[in-house]
Each structure stands twice: as structure tokens, then as C-alpha cells.
Amino acid sequence: MILIHLKSNPKYLLCEIEMIKHQSHQIKKIIQAKLTFLKPKVLVVCT
């Protein structure tokens, strides 16, 4: 499947890879934001 895409349109495949990279970067940001948001609550519970 990937080979067919590569032969027919390599630019399209590269674009998809970039999209996946961007999405994973956004997901990491969201997870970090959620963790920092939860940290104060966790600290309050611990103390």
C-alpha cells in the first residue's frame, strides 16, 4: 500500500508523514497541559 503511494505520488506520502508528525506533537502538548493541570490537585491530595 505504501509502495503504491510512493510510486504514484511521493509528495502526497511526505505530506501525510508531516501531518502525522504534527498530530503527534499536538497530542504531546495536550498530554503535558493535562498533566500540569492535574499536578496541583495531586499535590493537594498528597499533603
C-alpha atoms as a PDB file:
ATOM      1  CA  MET A   1       0.000   0.000   0.000  1.00  0.00           C
ATOM      2  CA  ILE A   2       2.763   2.441   0.948  1.00  0.00           C
ATOM      3  CA  LEU A   3       4.845   1.427  -2.093  1.00  0.00           C
ATOM      4  CA  ILE A   4       1.909   2.177  -4.414  1.00  0.00           C
ATOM      5  CA  HIS A   5       1.536   5.629  -2.853  1.00  0.00           C
ATOM      6  CA  LEU A   6       5.277   6.195  -3.124  1.00  0.00           C
ATOM      7  CA  LYS A   7       5.291   5.325  -6.850  1.00  0.00           C
ATOM      8  CA  SER A   8       2.158   7.281  -7.728  1.00  0.00           C
ATOM      9  CA  ASN A   9       2.711  10.369  -5.583  1.00  0.00           C
ATOM     10  CA  PRO A  10       5.737  10.681  -3.276  1.00  0.00           C
ATOM     11  CA  LYS A  11       4.790  14.253  -2.324  1.00  0.00           C
ATOM     12  CA  TYR A  12       1.440  13.038  -1.006  1.00  0.00           C
ATOM     13  CA  LEU A  13       3.162  10.446   1.179  1.00  0.00           C
ATOM     14  CA  LEU A  14       5.586  13.044   2.555  1.00  0.00           C
ATOM     15  CA  CYS A  15       2.652  15.318   3.294  1.00  0.00           C
ATOM     16  CA  GLU A  16       0.924  12.522   5.228  1.00  0.00           C
ATOM     17  CA  ILE A  17       4.097  11.841   7.229  1.00  0.00           C
ATOM     18  CA  GLU A  18       4.323  15.545   8.125  1.00  0.00           C
ATOM     19  CA  MET A  19       0.663  15.522   9.182  1.00  0.00           C
ATOM     20  CA  ILE A  20       1.266  12.522  11.456  1.00  0.00           C
ATOM     21  CA  LYS A  21       4.338  14.222  12.967  1.00  0.00           C
ATOM     22  CA  HIS A  22       2.340  17.401  13.586  1.00  0.00           C
ATOM     23  CA  GLN A  23      -0.552  15.473  15.145  1.00  0.00           C
ATOM     24  CA  SER A  24       1.741  13.525  17.486  1.00  0.00           C
ATOM     25  CA  HIS A  25       3.391  16.822  18.517  1.00  0.00           C
ATOM     26  CA  GLN A  26      -0.035  18.319  19.306  1.00  0.00           C
ATOM     27  CA  ILE A  27      -1.024  15.213  21.290  1.00  0.00           C
ATOM     28  CA  LYS A  28       2.176  15.506  23.366  1.00  0.00           C
ATOM     29  CA  LYS A  29       1.366  19.173  24.074  1.00  0.00           C
ATOM     30  CA  ILE A  30      -2.178  18.274  25.159  1.00  0.00           C
ATOM     31  CA  ILE A  31      -0.906  15.491  27.454  1.00  0.00           C
ATOM     32  CA  GLN A  32       1.663  17.851  29.016  1.00  0.00           C
ATOM     33  CA  ALA A  33      -1.017  20.509  29.535  1.00  0.00           C
ATOM     34  CA  LYS A  34      -3.322  17.972  31.190  1.00  0.00           C
ATOM     35  CA  LEU A  35      -0.509  16.749  33.455  1.00  0.00           C
ATOM     36  CA  THR A  36       0.378  20.284  34.575  1.00  0.00           C
ATOM     37  CA  PHE A  37      -3.327  20.946  35.149  1.00  0.00           C
ATOM     38  CA  LEU A  38      -3.663  17.824  37.320  1.00  0.00           C
ATOM     39  CA  LYS A  39      -0.398  18.280  39.267  1.00  0.00           C
ATOM     40  CA  PRO A  40      -1.677  20.899  41.788  1.00  0.00           C
ATOM     41  CA  LYS A  41      -4.704  18.732  42.616  1.00  0.00           C
ATOM     42  CA  VAL A  42      -2.471  15.684  43.112  1.00  0.00           C
ATOM     43  CA  LEU A  43      -0.151  17.682  45.391  1.00  0.00           C
ATOM     44  CA  VAL A  44      -3.122  18.845  47.465  1.00  0.00           C
ATOM     45  CA  VAL A  45      -4.340  15.254  47.803  1.00  0.00           C
ATOM     46  CA  CYS A  46      -0.864  14.031  48.824  1.00  0.00           C
ATOM     47  CA  THR A  47      -0.360  16.723  51.528  1.00  0.00           C
END
